[in-house]
Amino acid sequence: MLKRLFFTLLVTLPVMAFAEDEAALAGPQVQYIYFEPAFVVNYGSTGRIKYLRTDVALKVSTTEAGAAVAHHKPYLRNSLVMLFSAQESEIMNSTPGREELRQIALEEVRAVMTQLEGAPSVDDLYFNNFVVQN
């Protein structure tokens, strides 16, 4: 009986140590936090009413950051709705303008998370689709 236990430990311990080393080598656990439903806002200050529909995903590197972001999704969503609705057609209708908006939205999300949690928590922000109606 003792011999069997010793053999089991001898075989199992290196496998467990190898699994822990694999997890350490894998690096951070990247997660994507999706806002659902999609953002649908009107924007522009003059002329016809214009609409934006976009799906947004946030990239985080740790499960703790993912939990913090998920907890504050309503606050983050409100901030993004206000940001998107304050834009003008020049930003929404050009590729450089959309990239600028993505960077501004990322800065906004990081600022909110820093205010609420003391750390930016979010690594990046992505538009999964971006449809405007002028």
N, C-alpha and C. Protein backbone atom coordinates (compact mmCIF):
# COMPACT_ATOMS: atom_id res chain seq x y z
N MET A 1 0.83 -1.19 0.00
CA MET A 1 0.00 0.00 0.00
C MET A 1 0.88 1.26 0.00
N LEU A 2 1.87 1.30 0.86
CA LEU A 2 2.76 2.44 0.94
C LEU A 2 3.54 2.59 -0.35
N LYS A 3 3.93 1.48 -0.94
CA LYS A 3 4.65 1.49 -2.19
C LYS A 3 3.80 2.11 -3.31
N ARG A 4 2.51 1.76 -3.36
CA ARG A 4 1.60 2.30 -4.37
C ARG A 4 1.43 3.81 -4.18
N LEU A 5 1.27 4.26 -2.94
CA LEU A 5 1.13 5.69 -2.65
C LEU A 5 2.37 6.44 -3.08
N PHE A 6 3.53 5.92 -2.77
CA PHE A 6 4.79 6.56 -3.14
C PHE A 6 4.89 6.68 -4.66
N PHE A 7 4.55 5.60 -5.38
CA PHE A 7 4.61 5.60 -6.83
C PHE A 7 3.62 6.62 -7.42
N THR A 8 2.42 6.70 -6.86
CA THR A 8 1.42 7.65 -7.32
C THR A 8 1.91 9.08 -7.14
N LEU A 9 2.49 9.39 -5.99
CA LEU A 9 3.03 10.72 -5.74
C LEU A 9 4.20 11.02 -6.66
N LEU A 10 5.05 10.04 -6.87
CA LEU A 10 6.22 10.21 -7.71
C LEU A 10 5.82 10.54 -9.15
N VAL A 11 4.76 9.92 -9.64
CA VAL A 11 4.30 10.15 -11.01
C VAL A 11 3.46 11.43 -11.10
N THR A 12 2.63 11.72 -10.11
CA THR A 12 1.70 12.84 -10.16
C THR A 12 2.37 14.19 -9.93
N LEU A 13 3.30 14.29 -9.02
CA LEU A 13 3.91 15.58 -8.68
C LEU A 13 4.60 16.24 -9.86
N PRO A 14 5.42 15.53 -10.65
CA PRO A 14 6.03 16.22 -11.80
C PRO A 14 4.99 16.69 -12.81
N VAL A 15 3.92 15.94 -13.00
CA VAL A 15 2.86 16.34 -13.93
C VAL A 15 2.18 17.60 -13.42
N MET A 16 1.90 17.68 -12.12
CA MET A 16 1.27 18.86 -11.55
C MET A 16 2.20 20.06 -11.68
N ALA A 17 3.49 19.88 -11.42
CA ALA A 17 4.45 20.97 -11.52
C ALA A 17 4.55 21.45 -12.97
N PHE A 18 4.52 20.51 -13.92
CA PHE A 18 4.56 20.87 -15.33
C PHE A 18 3.33 21.69 -15.72
N ALA A 19 2.16 21.31 -15.24
CA ALA A 19 0.92 22.04 -15.55
C ALA A 19 0.98 23.46 -14.99
N GLU A 20 1.54 23.62 -13.80
CA GLU A 20 1.67 24.96 -13.22
C GLU A 20 2.65 25.80 -14.03
N ASP A 21 3.76 25.18 -14.50
CA ASP A 21 4.72 25.90 -15.32
C ASP A 21 4.09 26.33 -16.65
N GLU A 22 3.27 25.46 -17.25
CA GLU A 22 2.57 25.79 -18.50
C GLU A 22 1.67 27.00 -18.30
N ALA A 23 0.94 27.04 -17.19
CA ALA A 23 0.04 28.17 -16.92
C ALA A 23 0.83 29.45 -16.74
N ALA A 24 1.98 29.36 -16.09
CA ALA A 24 2.81 30.55 -15.88
C ALA A 24 3.38 31.04 -17.21
N LEU A 25 3.76 30.11 -18.10
CA LEU A 25 4.30 30.49 -19.39
C LEU A 25 3.24 31.06 -20.32
N ALA A 26 1.99 30.67 -20.13
CA ALA A 26 0.91 31.14 -20.99
C ALA A 26 0.69 32.64 -20.85
N GLY A 27 1.10 33.23 -19.74
CA GLY A 27 0.96 34.66 -19.55
C GLY A 27 -0.41 35.04 -19.04
N PRO A 28 -0.77 36.31 -19.24
CA PRO A 28 -2.05 36.79 -18.72
C PRO A 28 -3.23 36.13 -19.43
N GLN A 29 -4.33 36.10 -18.74
CA GLN A 29 -5.55 35.52 -19.28
C GLN A 29 -6.38 36.63 -19.92
N VAL A 30 -6.22 36.81 -21.21
CA VAL A 30 -6.94 37.87 -21.93
C VAL A 30 -8.42 37.51 -22.01
N GLN A 31 -9.24 38.51 -21.73
CA GLN A 31 -10.68 38.37 -21.84
C GLN A 31 -11.23 39.54 -22.65
N TYR A 32 -12.35 39.30 -23.31
CA TYR A 32 -13.04 40.36 -24.03
C TYR A 32 -14.41 40.54 -23.39
N ILE A 33 -14.71 41.77 -23.02
CA ILE A 33 -15.99 42.12 -22.42
C ILE A 33 -16.82 42.80 -23.50
N TYR A 34 -17.96 42.22 -23.85
CA TYR A 34 -18.82 42.74 -24.91
C TYR A 34 -19.98 43.52 -24.30
N PHE A 35 -20.29 44.66 -24.91
CA PHE A 35 -21.47 45.42 -24.52
C PHE A 35 -22.64 44.95 -25.36
N GLU A 36 -23.68 44.49 -24.69
CA GLU A 36 -24.89 44.04 -25.38
C GLU A 36 -26.08 44.68 -24.70
N PRO A 37 -27.03 45.19 -25.41
CA PRO A 37 -27.14 45.21 -26.86
C PRO A 37 -26.18 46.23 -27.48
N ALA A 38 -26.17 46.28 -28.80
CA ALA A 38 -25.31 47.21 -29.53
C ALA A 38 -25.67 48.65 -29.16
N PHE A 39 -24.71 49.54 -29.31
CA PHE A 39 -24.96 50.96 -29.11
C PHE A 39 -25.69 51.49 -30.33
N VAL A 40 -26.81 52.15 -30.11
CA VAL A 40 -27.55 52.84 -31.17
C VAL A 40 -27.82 54.24 -30.64
N VAL A 41 -27.17 55.23 -31.27
CA VAL A 41 -27.32 56.61 -30.82
C VAL A 41 -27.51 57.52 -32.02
N ASN A 42 -28.16 58.67 -31.77
CA ASN A 42 -28.18 59.69 -32.79
C ASN A 42 -27.05 60.67 -32.46
N TYR A 43 -26.51 61.31 -33.49
CA TYR A 43 -25.37 62.21 -33.31
C TYR A 43 -25.49 63.38 -34.26
N GLY A 44 -24.61 64.34 -34.07
CA GLY A 44 -24.61 65.54 -34.92
C GLY A 44 -25.47 66.62 -34.31
N SER A 45 -25.06 67.86 -34.54
CA SER A 45 -25.77 68.96 -33.91
C SER A 45 -26.62 69.77 -34.88
N THR A 46 -26.44 69.55 -36.18
CA THR A 46 -27.21 70.33 -37.15
C THR A 46 -27.77 69.42 -38.23
N GLY A 47 -28.83 69.89 -38.91
CA GLY A 47 -29.38 69.16 -40.04
C GLY A 47 -30.19 67.94 -39.62
N ARG A 48 -30.23 66.97 -40.54
CA ARG A 48 -30.98 65.74 -40.31
C ARG A 48 -30.43 64.97 -39.12
N ILE A 49 -31.30 64.16 -38.56
CA ILE A 49 -30.86 63.28 -37.49
C ILE A 49 -30.02 62.16 -38.11
N LYS A 50 -28.87 61.90 -37.51
CA LYS A 50 -27.95 60.86 -37.98
C LYS A 50 -27.84 59.79 -36.90
N TYR A 51 -27.62 58.56 -37.34
CA TYR A 51 -27.58 57.44 -36.40
C TYR A 51 -26.26 56.68 -36.49
N LEU A 52 -25.86 56.15 -35.37
CA LEU A 52 -24.71 55.25 -35.28
C LEU A 52 -25.18 53.97 -34.61
N ARG A 53 -24.75 52.85 -35.17
CA ARG A 53 -24.95 51.55 -34.53
C ARG A 53 -23.58 50.88 -34.50
N THR A 54 -23.13 50.52 -33.31
CA THR A 54 -21.83 49.87 -33.18
C THR A 54 -21.83 48.89 -32.02
N ASP A 55 -21.06 47.84 -32.19
CA ASP A 55 -20.79 46.89 -31.12
C ASP A 55 -19.40 47.19 -30.59
N VAL A 56 -19.26 47.20 -29.28
CA VAL A 56 -18.00 47.53 -28.64
C VAL A 56 -17.56 46.35 -27.77
N ALA A 57 -16.26 46.06 -27.83
CA ALA A 57 -15.65 45.04 -26.97
C ALA A 57 -14.44 45.67 -26.28
N LEU A 58 -14.27 45.34 -25.01
CA LEU A 58 -13.12 45.80 -24.23
C LEU A 58 -12.20 44.63 -23.96
N LYS A 59 -10.90 44.84 -24.12
CA LYS A 59 -9.90 43.80 -23.85
C LYS A 59 -9.29 44.05 -22.48
N VAL A 60 -9.29 43.00 -21.64
CA VAL A 60 -8.67 43.07 -20.31
C VAL A 60 -7.71 41.88 -20.18
N SER A 61 -6.70 42.03 -19.31
CA SER A 61 -5.66 41.01 -19.20
C SER A 61 -5.80 40.08 -18.00
N THR A 62 -6.64 40.43 -17.05
CA THR A 62 -6.77 39.59 -15.85
C THR A 62 -8.23 39.35 -15.55
N THR A 63 -8.47 38.29 -14.81
CA THR A 63 -9.85 38.01 -14.40
C THR A 63 -10.36 39.06 -13.44
N GLU A 64 -9.46 39.63 -12.62
CA GLU A 64 -9.87 40.69 -11.69
C GLU A 64 -10.32 41.93 -12.46
N ALA A 65 -9.56 42.29 -13.50
CA ALA A 65 -9.94 43.45 -14.32
C ALA A 65 -11.25 43.18 -15.04
N GLY A 66 -11.42 41.96 -15.52
CA GLY A 66 -12.67 41.59 -16.19
C GLY A 66 -13.86 41.71 -15.27
N ALA A 67 -13.69 41.26 -14.02
CA ALA A 67 -14.78 41.36 -13.05
C ALA A 67 -15.10 42.82 -12.73
N ALA A 68 -14.06 43.65 -12.59
CA ALA A 68 -14.28 45.07 -12.29
C ALA A 68 -15.01 45.76 -13.44
N VAL A 69 -14.58 45.49 -14.66
CA VAL A 69 -15.21 46.11 -15.83
C VAL A 69 -16.66 45.64 -15.94
N ALA A 70 -16.89 44.35 -15.77
CA ALA A 70 -18.26 43.81 -15.85
C ALA A 70 -19.15 44.45 -14.80
N HIS A 71 -18.61 44.68 -13.61
CA HIS A 71 -19.39 45.29 -12.53
C HIS A 71 -19.81 46.72 -12.89
N HIS A 72 -18.95 47.45 -13.59
CA HIS A 72 -19.21 48.86 -13.90
C HIS A 72 -19.74 49.08 -15.33
N LYS A 73 -20.21 48.03 -15.99
CA LYS A 73 -20.70 48.16 -17.37
C LYS A 73 -21.78 49.22 -17.54
N PRO A 74 -22.75 49.36 -16.64
CA PRO A 74 -23.76 50.42 -16.85
C PRO A 74 -23.15 51.82 -16.87
N TYR A 75 -22.21 52.09 -15.98
CA TYR A 75 -21.55 53.39 -15.94
C TYR A 75 -20.73 53.59 -17.22
N LEU A 76 -19.99 52.57 -17.64
CA LEU A 76 -19.18 52.66 -18.85
C LEU A 76 -20.06 52.86 -20.07
N ARG A 77 -21.16 52.14 -20.12
CA ARG A 77 -22.09 52.26 -21.25
C ARG A 77 -22.62 53.69 -21.35
N ASN A 78 -23.01 54.26 -20.24
CA ASN A 78 -23.51 55.63 -20.23
C ASN A 78 -22.44 56.59 -20.75
N SER A 79 -21.22 56.44 -20.30
CA SER A 79 -20.13 57.31 -20.76
C SER A 79 -19.92 57.19 -22.27
N LEU A 80 -20.00 55.97 -22.79
CA LEU A 80 -19.81 55.78 -24.22
C LEU A 80 -20.98 56.32 -25.03
N VAL A 81 -22.20 56.17 -24.54
CA VAL A 81 -23.37 56.73 -25.23
C VAL A 81 -23.22 58.25 -25.33
N MET A 82 -22.83 58.89 -24.24
CA MET A 82 -22.66 60.35 -24.26
C MET A 82 -21.55 60.76 -25.21
N LEU A 83 -20.46 60.01 -25.23
CA LEU A 83 -19.35 60.31 -26.14
C LEU A 83 -19.77 60.15 -27.60
N PHE A 84 -20.40 59.03 -27.92
CA PHE A 84 -20.80 58.78 -29.31
C PHE A 84 -21.82 59.80 -29.80
N SER A 85 -22.77 60.16 -28.95
CA SER A 85 -23.81 61.09 -29.38
C SER A 85 -23.29 62.52 -29.53
N ALA A 86 -22.13 62.83 -28.99
CA ALA A 86 -21.56 64.18 -29.10
C ALA A 86 -20.71 64.36 -30.35
N GLN A 87 -20.60 63.34 -31.19
CA GLN A 87 -19.71 63.41 -32.35
C GLN A 87 -20.38 64.12 -33.53
N GLU A 88 -19.56 64.52 -34.48
CA GLU A 88 -20.02 65.16 -35.71
C GLU A 88 -19.73 64.24 -36.90
N SER A 89 -20.35 64.51 -38.02
CA SER A 89 -20.24 63.67 -39.21
C SER A 89 -18.81 63.50 -39.70
N GLU A 90 -17.99 64.52 -39.57
CA GLU A 90 -16.61 64.44 -40.05
C GLU A 90 -15.85 63.30 -39.37
N ILE A 91 -16.12 63.08 -38.11
CA ILE A 91 -15.47 62.00 -37.35
C ILE A 91 -16.05 60.65 -37.76
N MET A 92 -17.36 60.56 -37.81
CA MET A 92 -18.04 59.28 -38.04
C MET A 92 -17.86 58.74 -39.45
N ASN A 93 -17.64 59.61 -40.44
CA ASN A 93 -17.63 59.18 -41.83
C ASN A 93 -16.24 58.98 -42.42
N SER A 94 -15.20 59.04 -41.61
CA SER A 94 -13.86 58.82 -42.15
C SER A 94 -13.12 57.78 -41.31
N THR A 95 -12.26 57.03 -41.96
CA THR A 95 -11.48 56.00 -41.26
C THR A 95 -10.58 56.62 -40.20
N PRO A 96 -9.85 57.70 -40.50
CA PRO A 96 -9.03 58.31 -39.44
C PRO A 96 -9.88 58.84 -38.28
N GLY A 97 -11.06 59.36 -38.61
CA GLY A 97 -11.96 59.86 -37.57
C GLY A 97 -12.45 58.74 -36.67
N ARG A 98 -12.75 57.59 -37.24
CA ARG A 98 -13.20 56.45 -36.44
C ARG A 98 -12.08 55.94 -35.53
N GLU A 99 -10.86 55.92 -36.06
CA GLU A 99 -9.73 55.50 -35.22
C GLU A 99 -9.52 56.50 -34.08
N GLU A 100 -9.66 57.78 -34.38
CA GLU A 100 -9.56 58.81 -33.33
C GLU A 100 -10.65 58.61 -32.29
N LEU A 101 -11.87 58.33 -32.74
CA LEU A 101 -12.98 58.07 -31.81
C LEU A 101 -12.70 56.83 -30.96
N ARG A 102 -12.13 55.80 -31.55
CA ARG A 102 -11.79 54.58 -30.80
C ARG A 102 -10.79 54.90 -29.70
N GLN A 103 -9.78 55.71 -30.01
CA GLN A 103 -8.78 56.08 -29.01
C GLN A 103 -9.40 56.95 -27.91
N ILE A 104 -10.27 57.87 -28.29
CA ILE A 104 -10.94 58.72 -27.30
C ILE A 104 -11.84 57.88 -26.40
N ALA A 105 -12.55 56.92 -26.99
CA ALA A 105 -13.43 56.04 -26.22
C ALA A 105 -12.60 55.20 -25.25
N LEU A 106 -11.45 54.70 -25.69
CA LEU A 106 -10.57 53.94 -24.81
C LEU A 106 -10.09 54.80 -23.65
N GLU A 107 -9.68 56.02 -23.93
CA GLU A 107 -9.25 56.94 -22.86
C GLU A 107 -10.39 57.21 -21.89
N GLU A 108 -11.60 57.37 -22.40
CA GLU A 108 -12.77 57.62 -21.55
C GLU A 108 -13.03 56.43 -20.63
N VAL A 109 -13.00 55.22 -21.18
CA VAL A 109 -13.23 54.01 -20.39
C VAL A 109 -12.15 53.87 -19.33
N ARG A 110 -10.90 54.09 -19.70
CA ARG A 110 -9.80 54.00 -18.73
C ARG A 110 -9.95 55.05 -17.63
N ALA A 111 -10.37 56.25 -17.99
CA ALA A 111 -10.56 57.31 -16.99
C ALA A 111 -11.66 56.93 -16.00
N VAL A 112 -12.75 56.39 -16.51
CA VAL A 112 -13.86 55.97 -15.63
C VAL A 112 -13.39 54.86 -14.70
N MET A 113 -12.69 53.87 -15.24
CA MET A 113 -12.22 52.76 -14.41
C MET A 113 -11.20 53.22 -13.38
N THR A 114 -10.35 54.16 -13.74
CA THR A 114 -9.39 54.70 -12.79
C THR A 114 -10.11 55.45 -11.67
N GLN A 115 -11.13 56.21 -12.03
CA GLN A 115 -11.92 56.93 -11.04
C GLN A 115 -12.63 55.97 -10.08
N LEU A 116 -13.18 54.89 -10.62
CA LEU A 116 -13.98 53.97 -9.81
C LEU A 116 -13.16 52.91 -9.09
N GLU A 117 -12.09 52.43 -9.73
CA GLU A 117 -11.33 51.30 -9.18
C GLU A 117 -9.88 51.62 -8.84
N GLY A 118 -9.40 52.80 -9.24
CA GLY A 118 -8.02 53.16 -8.95
C GLY A 118 -7.02 52.63 -9.97
N ALA A 119 -7.48 51.94 -11.00
CA ALA A 119 -6.61 51.43 -12.06
C ALA A 119 -7.39 51.44 -13.36
N PRO A 120 -6.71 51.64 -14.51
CA PRO A 120 -7.43 51.72 -15.77
C PRO A 120 -8.09 50.41 -16.19
N SER A 121 -7.54 49.27 -15.83
CA SER A 121 -8.12 47.93 -16.04
C SER A 121 -8.30 47.49 -17.49
N VAL A 122 -8.48 48.40 -18.43
CA VAL A 122 -8.79 48.05 -19.82
C VAL A 122 -7.55 48.26 -20.68
N ASP A 123 -7.21 47.23 -21.47
CA ASP A 123 -6.05 47.30 -22.35
C ASP A 123 -6.37 47.92 -23.71
N ASP A 124 -7.55 47.61 -24.23
CA ASP A 124 -7.90 48.15 -25.54
C ASP A 124 -9.42 48.12 -25.72
N LEU A 125 -9.87 48.85 -26.73
CA LEU A 125 -11.29 48.93 -27.07
C LEU A 125 -11.40 48.70 -28.57
N TYR A 126 -12.39 47.89 -28.96
CA TYR A 126 -12.58 47.56 -30.37
C TYR A 126 -14.02 47.81 -30.79
N PHE A 127 -14.19 48.31 -32.03
CA PHE A 127 -15.50 48.38 -32.65
C PHE A 127 -15.66 47.10 -33.47
N ASN A 128 -16.63 46.28 -33.13
CA ASN A 128 -16.85 45.05 -33.90
C ASN A 128 -17.61 45.32 -35.18
N ASN A 129 -18.40 46.35 -35.21
CA ASN A 129 -19.00 46.88 -36.43
C ASN A 129 -19.27 48.35 -36.19
N PHE A 130 -19.47 49.08 -37.26
CA PHE A 130 -19.63 50.52 -37.14
C PHE A 130 -20.46 50.98 -38.33
N VAL A 131 -21.74 51.23 -38.11
CA VAL A 131 -22.66 51.59 -39.18
C VAL A 131 -23.24 52.96 -38.87
N VAL A 132 -23.09 53.88 -39.83
CA VAL A 132 -23.69 55.21 -39.67
C VAL A 132 -24.74 55.42 -40.75
N GLN A 133 -25.76 56.18 -40.39
CA GLN A 133 -26.78 56.60 -41.36
C GLN A 133 -26.84 58.11 -41.30
N ASN A 134 -26.54 58.73 -42.41
CA ASN A 134 -26.53 60.20 -42.48
C ASN A 134 -27.84 60.73 -43.01
